[in-house]
Amino acid sequence: MQKYEIMAIVKNSLDEITAKKVCQTQILDKIKKLGGNISFEDFWGERGFAYKINKQTWGYYFLAQFELDGANLSEMKQELNLEKELVRFLISKVEKNAATPRKYSEIKAEYEAQEKKKQVENTPKEEKKSTRREKLTTIKEKESSPSPKKDDVDKKLDDIISQSSEGI
């Protein structure tokens, strides 16, 4: 028995509940029917595509890890290719001792908590201090660099104009 992972995309013409049922009946039940063991499953919900697939711009994503014999895997791929509700699927090998992936909802909640923490840390007082510092540094930079004298600029412009008129 080899350990595999499947990522599948279900058509967006279905509603979310029906898409979950499709994943259950067309993927998980087939794995069990072929003698496989499912160790992980996660329905991600709707996601947009990077490009259009069959004139669709989004679909329902599903991820599962399972163990199955190699001979039965080719039969499963053939059956999944015939399913009309699946837009795409990808089956890849996973190492036997690889950790079980985390649920998407857990990862999303953790990310949102980190983002809220960052927003709390960035208080308006700190933002005002940073803008004051930026203003002071730009003022100091302007003071430190000498500005060209008006007479020097006029001479350079006259030279440029005279050179261009000679070339005409």
N, C-alpha and C. Protein backbone atom coordinates (compact mmCIF):
# COMPACT_ATOMS: atom_id res chain seq x y z
N MET A 1 0.85 -1.19 0.00
CA MET A 1 0.00 0.00 0.00
C MET A 1 0.89 1.24 0.00
N GLN A 2 0.66 2.10 -0.93
CA GLN A 2 1.38 3.36 -1.06
C GLN A 2 0.49 4.50 -0.59
N LYS A 3 1.10 5.53 -0.02
CA LYS A 3 0.34 6.68 0.46
C LYS A 3 0.27 7.72 -0.66
N TYR A 4 -0.94 8.23 -0.91
CA TYR A 4 -1.18 9.21 -1.97
C TYR A 4 -1.96 10.41 -1.42
N GLU A 5 -1.95 11.47 -2.21
CA GLU A 5 -2.72 12.66 -1.90
C GLU A 5 -3.45 13.08 -3.17
N ILE A 6 -4.70 13.43 -3.03
CA ILE A 6 -5.48 13.90 -4.18
C ILE A 6 -5.97 15.31 -3.91
N MET A 7 -5.80 16.16 -4.91
CA MET A 7 -6.36 17.51 -4.91
C MET A 7 -7.33 17.53 -6.07
N ALA A 8 -8.59 17.85 -5.78
CA ALA A 8 -9.61 17.85 -6.82
C ALA A 8 -10.36 19.17 -6.82
N ILE A 9 -10.83 19.56 -8.00
CA ILE A 9 -11.64 20.77 -8.16
C ILE A 9 -12.99 20.34 -8.73
N VAL A 10 -14.06 20.74 -8.05
CA VAL A 10 -15.41 20.42 -8.47
C VAL A 10 -16.00 21.63 -9.18
N LYS A 11 -16.86 21.39 -10.16
CA LYS A 11 -17.48 22.46 -10.96
C LYS A 11 -18.18 23.49 -10.08
N ASN A 12 -18.17 24.73 -10.53
CA ASN A 12 -18.82 25.80 -9.78
C ASN A 12 -20.32 25.90 -10.06
N SER A 13 -20.83 25.11 -10.96
CA SER A 13 -22.27 25.14 -11.24
C SER A 13 -23.07 24.49 -10.12
N LEU A 14 -22.40 23.76 -9.25
CA LEU A 14 -23.05 23.13 -8.10
C LEU A 14 -22.99 24.06 -6.90
N ASP A 15 -23.89 23.85 -5.94
CA ASP A 15 -23.79 24.60 -4.69
C ASP A 15 -22.79 23.88 -3.77
N GLU A 16 -22.42 24.51 -2.68
CA GLU A 16 -21.37 23.98 -1.82
C GLU A 16 -21.74 22.64 -1.19
N ILE A 17 -22.97 22.47 -0.78
CA ILE A 17 -23.40 21.21 -0.16
C ILE A 17 -23.33 20.07 -1.17
N THR A 18 -23.79 20.32 -2.38
CA THR A 18 -23.73 19.31 -3.42
C THR A 18 -22.29 18.99 -3.79
N ALA A 19 -21.43 20.01 -3.80
CA ALA A 19 -20.02 19.79 -4.12
C ALA A 19 -19.37 18.89 -3.06
N LYS A 20 -19.72 19.08 -1.78
CA LYS A 20 -19.20 18.20 -0.73
C LYS A 20 -19.66 16.76 -0.95
N LYS A 21 -20.92 16.60 -1.34
CA LYS A 21 -21.45 15.25 -1.59
C LYS A 21 -20.74 14.59 -2.77
N VAL A 22 -20.45 15.39 -3.79
CA VAL A 22 -19.73 14.88 -4.96
C VAL A 22 -18.36 14.36 -4.54
N CYS A 23 -17.68 15.12 -3.70
CA CYS A 23 -16.36 14.69 -3.22
C CYS A 23 -16.48 13.39 -2.42
N GLN A 24 -17.50 13.30 -1.62
CA GLN A 24 -17.72 12.11 -0.80
C GLN A 24 -18.00 10.89 -1.68
N THR A 25 -18.95 11.03 -2.61
CA THR A 25 -19.38 9.88 -3.40
C THR A 25 -18.40 9.52 -4.51
N GLN A 26 -17.87 10.51 -5.20
CA GLN A 26 -17.06 10.22 -6.37
C GLN A 26 -15.59 10.01 -6.07
N ILE A 27 -15.12 10.49 -4.94
CA ILE A 27 -13.69 10.32 -4.63
C ILE A 27 -13.51 9.36 -3.45
N LEU A 28 -14.04 9.73 -2.31
CA LEU A 28 -13.80 8.94 -1.10
C LEU A 28 -14.41 7.55 -1.17
N ASP A 29 -15.63 7.46 -1.68
CA ASP A 29 -16.27 6.14 -1.79
C ASP A 29 -15.53 5.24 -2.77
N LYS A 30 -14.97 5.83 -3.84
CA LYS A 30 -14.20 5.03 -4.80
C LYS A 30 -12.91 4.50 -4.17
N ILE A 31 -12.28 5.33 -3.34
CA ILE A 31 -11.06 4.89 -2.66
C ILE A 31 -11.38 3.69 -1.76
N LYS A 32 -12.47 3.81 -1.00
CA LYS A 32 -12.88 2.71 -0.11
C LYS A 32 -13.26 1.47 -0.91
N LYS A 33 -13.95 1.66 -2.03
CA LYS A 33 -14.38 0.53 -2.87
C LYS A 33 -13.18 -0.23 -3.43
N LEU A 34 -12.11 0.49 -3.71
CA LEU A 34 -10.91 -0.13 -4.27
C LEU A 34 -9.97 -0.67 -3.19
N GLY A 35 -10.41 -0.62 -1.93
CA GLY A 35 -9.62 -1.20 -0.84
C GLY A 35 -8.65 -0.22 -0.20
N GLY A 36 -8.87 1.06 -0.35
CA GLY A 36 -7.98 2.06 0.22
C GLY A 36 -8.42 2.52 1.59
N ASN A 37 -7.50 3.13 2.32
CA ASN A 37 -7.77 3.70 3.64
C ASN A 37 -7.57 5.21 3.56
N ILE A 38 -8.55 5.97 4.02
CA ILE A 38 -8.47 7.43 3.99
C ILE A 38 -7.95 7.91 5.33
N SER A 39 -6.86 8.68 5.31
CA SER A 39 -6.27 9.18 6.56
C SER A 39 -6.58 10.66 6.80
N PHE A 40 -6.95 11.39 5.75
CA PHE A 40 -7.20 12.83 5.90
C PHE A 40 -8.11 13.29 4.77
N GLU A 41 -9.04 14.18 5.10
CA GLU A 41 -9.87 14.82 4.07
C GLU A 41 -10.21 16.23 4.52
N ASP A 42 -10.26 17.15 3.55
CA ASP A 42 -10.55 18.55 3.86
C ASP A 42 -11.19 19.21 2.65
N PHE A 43 -12.36 19.76 2.84
CA PHE A 43 -13.07 20.49 1.79
C PHE A 43 -12.76 21.97 1.99
N TRP A 44 -12.09 22.60 1.03
CA TRP A 44 -11.63 23.98 1.18
C TRP A 44 -12.70 24.99 0.84
N GLY A 45 -13.67 24.61 0.05
CA GLY A 45 -14.67 25.58 -0.39
C GLY A 45 -14.28 26.19 -1.72
N GLU A 46 -14.88 27.32 -2.04
CA GLU A 46 -14.65 27.92 -3.35
C GLU A 46 -13.35 28.72 -3.39
N ARG A 47 -12.67 28.60 -4.53
CA ARG A 47 -11.42 29.31 -4.78
C ARG A 47 -11.40 29.72 -6.24
N GLY A 48 -10.75 30.84 -6.50
CA GLY A 48 -10.59 31.31 -7.87
C GLY A 48 -9.42 30.62 -8.55
N PHE A 49 -9.46 30.57 -9.86
CA PHE A 49 -8.38 29.98 -10.66
C PHE A 49 -7.42 31.08 -11.11
N ALA A 50 -6.22 30.70 -11.42
CA ALA A 50 -5.25 31.64 -11.97
C ALA A 50 -5.59 31.95 -13.43
N TYR A 51 -6.25 31.03 -14.09
CA TYR A 51 -6.68 31.21 -15.47
C TYR A 51 -7.97 30.41 -15.67
N LYS A 52 -8.68 30.69 -16.75
CA LYS A 52 -9.95 29.99 -17.00
C LYS A 52 -9.70 28.53 -17.35
N ILE A 53 -10.54 27.67 -16.79
CA ILE A 53 -10.51 26.25 -17.11
C ILE A 53 -11.92 25.88 -17.57
N ASN A 54 -12.04 25.46 -18.80
CA ASN A 54 -13.35 25.12 -19.37
C ASN A 54 -14.36 26.26 -19.19
N LYS A 55 -13.92 27.47 -19.45
CA LYS A 55 -14.74 28.70 -19.35
C LYS A 55 -15.21 28.98 -17.92
N GLN A 56 -14.55 28.42 -16.93
CA GLN A 56 -14.87 28.66 -15.53
C GLN A 56 -13.72 29.42 -14.87
N THR A 57 -14.06 30.29 -13.92
CA THR A 57 -13.02 31.08 -13.24
C THR A 57 -12.83 30.68 -11.79
N TRP A 58 -13.69 29.80 -11.26
CA TRP A 58 -13.54 29.34 -9.90
C TRP A 58 -14.19 27.97 -9.74
N GLY A 59 -13.86 27.29 -8.63
CA GLY A 59 -14.42 25.97 -8.36
C GLY A 59 -14.27 25.64 -6.89
N TYR A 60 -14.76 24.47 -6.49
CA TYR A 60 -14.66 24.00 -5.10
C TYR A 60 -13.47 23.05 -4.99
N TYR A 61 -12.58 23.35 -4.05
CA TYR A 61 -11.36 22.56 -3.88
C TYR A 61 -11.54 21.52 -2.78
N PHE A 62 -10.92 20.36 -2.99
CA PHE A 62 -10.99 19.26 -2.04
C PHE A 62 -9.62 18.59 -1.98
N LEU A 63 -9.19 18.23 -0.76
CA LEU A 63 -7.89 17.58 -0.55
C LEU A 63 -8.10 16.35 0.31
N ALA A 64 -7.42 15.25 -0.03
CA ALA A 64 -7.50 14.03 0.79
C ALA A 64 -6.19 13.27 0.68
N GLN A 65 -5.85 12.56 1.77
CA GLN A 65 -4.71 11.64 1.78
C GLN A 65 -5.26 10.25 2.00
N PHE A 66 -4.67 9.28 1.29
CA PHE A 66 -5.17 7.91 1.39
C PHE A 66 -4.06 6.93 1.05
N GLU A 67 -4.29 5.67 1.41
CA GLU A 67 -3.38 4.58 1.05
C GLU A 67 -4.12 3.67 0.09
N LEU A 68 -3.41 3.23 -0.96
CA LEU A 68 -4.03 2.41 -1.99
C LEU A 68 -2.94 1.63 -2.71
N ASP A 69 -3.29 0.46 -3.25
CA ASP A 69 -2.36 -0.31 -4.07
C ASP A 69 -2.14 0.40 -5.39
N GLY A 70 -0.94 0.24 -5.94
CA GLY A 70 -0.61 0.89 -7.20
C GLY A 70 -1.46 0.41 -8.36
N ALA A 71 -1.83 -0.88 -8.36
CA ALA A 71 -2.67 -1.42 -9.44
C ALA A 71 -4.06 -0.79 -9.41
N ASN A 72 -4.57 -0.55 -8.23
CA ASN A 72 -5.90 0.05 -8.11
C ASN A 72 -5.89 1.55 -8.40
N LEU A 73 -4.72 2.16 -8.31
CA LEU A 73 -4.63 3.60 -8.56
C LEU A 73 -4.96 3.93 -10.01
N SER A 74 -4.46 3.15 -10.94
CA SER A 74 -4.74 3.43 -12.35
C SER A 74 -6.23 3.28 -12.65
N GLU A 75 -6.89 2.30 -12.01
CA GLU A 75 -8.33 2.13 -12.18
C GLU A 75 -9.08 3.35 -11.63
N MET A 76 -8.62 3.86 -10.48
CA MET A 76 -9.25 5.03 -9.88
C MET A 76 -9.11 6.25 -10.79
N LYS A 77 -7.92 6.44 -11.36
CA LYS A 77 -7.71 7.57 -12.27
C LYS A 77 -8.63 7.49 -13.48
N GLN A 78 -8.81 6.29 -14.02
CA GLN A 78 -9.70 6.12 -15.17
C GLN A 78 -11.13 6.50 -14.81
N GLU A 79 -11.59 6.08 -13.64
CA GLU A 79 -12.95 6.38 -13.21
C GLU A 79 -13.13 7.88 -12.95
N LEU A 80 -12.11 8.52 -12.36
CA LEU A 80 -12.21 9.96 -12.08
C LEU A 80 -12.20 10.78 -13.36
N ASN A 81 -11.50 10.30 -14.38
CA ASN A 81 -11.48 11.01 -15.66
C ASN A 81 -12.86 11.04 -16.31
N LEU A 82 -13.71 10.08 -15.98
CA LEU A 82 -15.05 10.02 -16.58
C LEU A 82 -16.08 10.87 -15.83
N GLU A 83 -15.75 11.33 -14.64
CA GLU A 83 -16.68 12.12 -13.83
C GLU A 83 -16.85 13.52 -14.42
N LYS A 84 -18.10 13.91 -14.67
CA LYS A 84 -18.38 15.19 -15.30
C LYS A 84 -18.34 16.35 -14.31
N GLU A 85 -18.53 16.08 -13.02
CA GLU A 85 -18.55 17.16 -12.02
C GLU A 85 -17.15 17.63 -11.63
N LEU A 86 -16.13 16.83 -11.93
CA LEU A 86 -14.75 17.21 -11.59
C LEU A 86 -14.15 18.02 -12.73
N VAL A 87 -13.61 19.18 -12.39
CA VAL A 87 -12.93 20.01 -13.38
C VAL A 87 -11.52 19.48 -13.60
N ARG A 88 -10.80 19.29 -12.51
CA ARG A 88 -9.43 18.76 -12.54
C ARG A 88 -9.18 17.96 -11.27
N PHE A 89 -8.19 17.07 -11.35
CA PHE A 89 -7.70 16.40 -10.15
C PHE A 89 -6.24 16.05 -10.36
N LEU A 90 -5.53 15.94 -9.26
CA LEU A 90 -4.12 15.57 -9.30
C LEU A 90 -3.86 14.61 -8.15
N ILE A 91 -3.26 13.47 -8.47
CA ILE A 91 -2.90 12.49 -7.46
C ILE A 91 -1.38 12.43 -7.41
N SER A 92 -0.83 12.57 -6.22
CA SER A 92 0.63 12.52 -6.06
C SER A 92 1.00 11.60 -4.91
N LYS A 93 2.18 11.02 -5.01
CA LYS A 93 2.68 10.14 -3.95
C LYS A 93 3.12 10.97 -2.76
N VAL A 94 2.94 10.38 -1.57
CA VAL A 94 3.36 11.02 -0.33
C VAL A 94 4.22 10.00 0.41
N GLU A 95 5.25 10.48 1.09
CA GLU A 95 6.10 9.57 1.85
C GLU A 95 5.29 8.91 2.96
N LYS A 96 5.65 7.66 3.27
CA LYS A 96 4.92 6.91 4.30
C LYS A 96 4.92 7.62 5.65
N ASN A 97 6.05 8.19 6.03
CA ASN A 97 6.17 8.81 7.35
C ASN A 97 5.85 10.31 7.34
N ALA A 98 5.29 10.81 6.25
CA ALA A 98 4.95 12.24 6.17
C ALA A 98 3.81 12.56 7.13
N ALA A 99 3.88 13.73 7.70
CA ALA A 99 2.85 14.16 8.65
C ALA A 99 1.53 14.42 7.92
N THR A 100 0.45 14.24 8.63
CA THR A 100 -0.87 14.53 8.10
C THR A 100 -1.01 16.04 7.97
N PRO A 101 -1.51 16.53 6.85
CA PRO A 101 -1.64 17.98 6.70
C PRO A 101 -2.67 18.57 7.65
N ARG A 102 -2.55 19.86 7.87
CA ARG A 102 -3.51 20.56 8.74
C ARG A 102 -4.71 20.99 7.92
N LYS A 103 -5.83 21.13 8.59
CA LYS A 103 -7.06 21.58 7.93
C LYS A 103 -6.89 23.03 7.48
N TYR A 104 -7.48 23.35 6.35
CA TYR A 104 -7.40 24.70 5.80
C TYR A 104 -8.01 25.71 6.76
N SER A 105 -9.10 25.36 7.40
CA SER A 105 -9.78 26.29 8.32
C SER A 105 -8.88 26.66 9.50
N GLU A 106 -8.06 25.71 9.98
CA GLU A 106 -7.13 25.99 11.07
C GLU A 106 -6.04 26.96 10.61
N ILE A 107 -5.51 26.73 9.44
CA ILE A 107 -4.45 27.58 8.91
C ILE A 107 -4.98 29.00 8.67
N LYS A 108 -6.20 29.10 8.13
CA LYS A 108 -6.81 30.39 7.87
C LYS A 108 -7.05 31.16 9.17
N ALA A 109 -7.54 30.47 10.20
CA ALA A 109 -7.79 31.12 11.49
C ALA A 109 -6.49 31.62 12.11
N GLU A 110 -5.44 30.82 12.00
CA GLU A 110 -4.13 31.22 12.53
C GLU A 110 -3.59 32.44 11.80
N TYR A 111 -3.74 32.48 10.49
CA TYR A 111 -3.28 33.60 9.69
C TYR A 111 -4.04 34.88 10.05
N GLU A 112 -5.36 34.77 10.19
CA GLU A 112 -6.16 35.94 10.54
C GLU A 112 -5.81 36.47 11.92
N ALA A 113 -5.51 35.57 12.87
CA ALA A 113 -5.11 36.00 14.21
C ALA A 113 -3.78 36.77 14.15
N GLN A 114 -2.86 36.30 13.32
CA GLN A 114 -1.58 37.00 13.18
C GLN A 114 -1.78 38.38 12.55
N GLU A 115 -2.67 38.47 11.57
CA GLU A 115 -2.93 39.76 10.94
C GLU A 115 -3.56 40.75 11.92
N LYS A 116 -4.47 40.27 12.76
CA LYS A 116 -5.08 41.15 13.77
C LYS A 116 -4.03 41.62 14.76
N LYS A 117 -3.12 40.73 15.13
CA LYS A 117 -2.05 41.08 16.06
C LYS A 117 -1.16 42.17 15.47
N LYS A 118 -0.85 42.06 14.19
CA LYS A 118 -0.04 43.08 13.52
C LYS A 118 -0.75 44.43 13.51
N GLN A 119 -2.06 44.42 13.27
CA GLN A 119 -2.82 45.67 13.24
C GLN A 119 -2.87 46.33 14.61
N VAL A 120 -2.97 45.53 15.67
CA VAL A 120 -3.00 46.07 17.03
C VAL A 120 -1.64 46.68 17.38
N GLU A 121 -0.58 46.02 16.95
CA GLU A 121 0.78 46.52 17.25
C GLU A 121 1.06 47.85 16.57
N ASN A 122 0.47 48.07 15.40
CA ASN A 122 0.69 49.32 14.66
C ASN A 122 -0.33 50.36 15.11
N THR A 123 -0.03 51.01 16.20
CA THR A 123 -0.94 52.04 16.70
C THR A 123 -0.70 53.35 15.96
N PRO A 124 -1.65 54.27 15.98
CA PRO A 124 -1.48 55.55 15.29
C PRO A 124 -0.30 56.37 15.82
N LYS A 125 0.02 56.26 17.14
CA LYS A 125 1.16 57.01 17.69
C LYS A 125 2.44 56.60 17.00
N GLU A 126 2.64 55.32 16.81
CA GLU A 126 3.85 54.84 16.14
C GLU A 126 3.90 55.32 14.71
N GLU A 127 2.75 55.34 14.04
CA GLU A 127 2.72 55.80 12.66
C GLU A 127 3.08 57.28 12.59
N LYS A 128 2.61 58.09 13.55
CA LYS A 128 2.94 59.51 13.56
C LYS A 128 4.42 59.71 13.78
N LYS A 129 5.02 58.92 14.69
CA LYS A 129 6.45 59.04 14.94
C LYS A 129 7.25 58.72 13.69
N SER A 130 6.85 57.69 12.97
CA SER A 130 7.60 57.32 11.78
C SER A 130 7.51 58.41 10.72
N THR A 131 6.34 59.04 10.56
CA THR A 131 6.23 60.10 9.57
C THR A 131 7.04 61.33 9.98
N ARG A 132 7.10 61.63 11.27
CA ARG A 132 7.93 62.74 11.73
C ARG A 132 9.40 62.47 11.45
N ARG A 133 9.81 61.23 11.72
CA ARG A 133 11.20 60.86 11.44
C ARG A 133 11.52 60.99 9.96
N GLU A 134 10.60 60.56 9.12
CA GLU A 134 10.82 60.66 7.68
C GLU A 134 10.93 62.12 7.25
N LYS A 135 10.10 62.99 7.81
CA LYS A 135 10.17 64.40 7.47
C LYS A 135 11.50 65.01 7.90
N LEU A 136 11.96 64.66 9.11
CA LEU A 136 13.23 65.20 9.59
C LEU A 136 14.39 64.75 8.71
N THR A 137 14.39 63.49 8.30
CA THR A 137 15.49 63.02 7.46
C THR A 137 15.48 63.69 6.11
N THR A 138 14.30 63.93 5.52
CA THR A 138 14.27 64.60 4.22
C THR A 138 14.71 66.05 4.34
N ILE A 139 14.36 66.72 5.43
CA ILE A 139 14.81 68.11 5.66
C ILE A 139 16.32 68.14 5.81
N LYS A 140 16.86 67.21 6.57
CA LYS A 140 18.32 67.16 6.77
C LYS A 140 19.03 66.87 5.45
N GLU A 141 18.47 65.99 4.62
CA GLU A 141 19.09 65.69 3.34
C GLU A 141 19.10 66.92 2.44
N LYS A 142 18.02 67.69 2.46
CA LYS A 142 17.95 68.90 1.65
C LYS A 142 18.97 69.93 2.12
N GLU A 143 19.15 70.04 3.43
CA GLU A 143 20.10 71.00 3.98
C GLU A 143 21.54 70.59 3.69
N SER A 144 21.80 69.30 3.69
CA SER A 144 23.18 68.83 3.52
C SER A 144 23.65 68.93 2.08
N SER A 145 22.77 68.77 1.10
CA SER A 145 23.19 68.86 -0.29
C SER A 145 23.12 70.31 -0.74
N PRO A 146 24.23 70.84 -1.28
CA PRO A 146 24.22 72.24 -1.70
C PRO A 146 23.38 72.42 -2.96
N SER A 147 22.60 73.46 -2.97
CA SER A 147 21.77 73.72 -4.14
C SER A 147 22.60 74.50 -5.16
N PRO A 148 22.39 74.25 -6.44
CA PRO A 148 23.18 74.95 -7.46
C PRO A 148 22.80 76.43 -7.53
N LYS A 149 23.77 77.24 -7.86
CA LYS A 149 23.51 78.67 -7.96
C LYS A 149 22.80 78.97 -9.29
N LYS A 150 22.01 80.03 -9.26
CA LYS A 150 21.21 80.38 -10.42
C LYS A 150 22.09 80.74 -11.62
N ASP A 151 23.18 81.41 -11.36
CA ASP A 151 24.07 81.81 -12.46
C ASP A 151 24.67 80.57 -13.12
N ASP A 152 25.04 79.54 -12.34
CA ASP A 152 25.62 78.32 -12.91
C ASP A 152 24.61 77.61 -13.80
N VAL A 153 23.38 77.57 -13.37
CA VAL A 153 22.33 76.90 -14.14
C VAL A 153 22.09 77.66 -15.45
N ASP A 154 22.05 78.98 -15.38
CA ASP A 154 21.83 79.78 -16.58
C ASP A 154 22.96 79.58 -17.59
N LYS A 155 24.20 79.49 -17.11
CA LYS A 155 25.34 79.27 -18.01
C LYS A 155 25.23 77.92 -18.70
N LYS A 156 24.85 76.90 -17.95
CA LYS A 156 24.72 75.56 -18.55
C LYS A 156 23.62 75.54 -19.60
N LEU A 157 22.52 76.20 -19.31
CA LEU A 157 21.41 76.25 -20.28
C LEU A 157 21.82 76.99 -21.54
N ASP A 158 22.54 78.09 -21.38
CA ASP A 158 23.01 78.84 -22.54
C ASP A 158 23.95 77.98 -23.39
N ASP A 159 24.83 77.21 -22.75
CA ASP A 159 25.74 76.33 -23.49
C ASP A 159 24.96 75.27 -24.27
N ILE A 160 23.96 74.69 -23.66
CA ILE A 160 23.15 73.66 -24.33
C ILE A 160 22.42 74.25 -25.52
N ILE A 161 21.86 75.45 -25.36
CA ILE A 161 21.11 76.08 -26.45
C ILE A 161 22.04 76.44 -27.59
N SER A 162 23.21 76.95 -27.28
CA SER A 162 24.15 77.34 -28.33
C SER A 162 24.65 76.10 -29.09
N GLN A 163 24.88 75.00 -28.38
CA GLN A 163 25.33 73.78 -29.06
C GLN A 163 24.24 73.22 -29.98
N SER A 164 22.99 73.28 -29.53
CA SER A 164 21.90 72.77 -30.38
C SER A 164 21.66 73.66 -31.58
N SER A 165 21.84 74.98 -31.45
CA SER A 165 21.61 75.88 -32.58
C SER A 165 22.73 75.76 -33.60
N GLU A 166 23.95 75.42 -33.17
CA GLU A 166 25.04 75.22 -34.10
C GLU A 166 24.84 73.99 -34.94
N GLY A 167 24.18 72.98 -34.34
CA GLY A 167 23.96 71.73 -35.07
C GLY A 167 22.85 71.85 -36.10
N ILE A 168 22.04 72.90 -36.06
CA ILE A 168 20.91 73.04 -37.00
C ILE A 168 21.32 73.58 -38.31
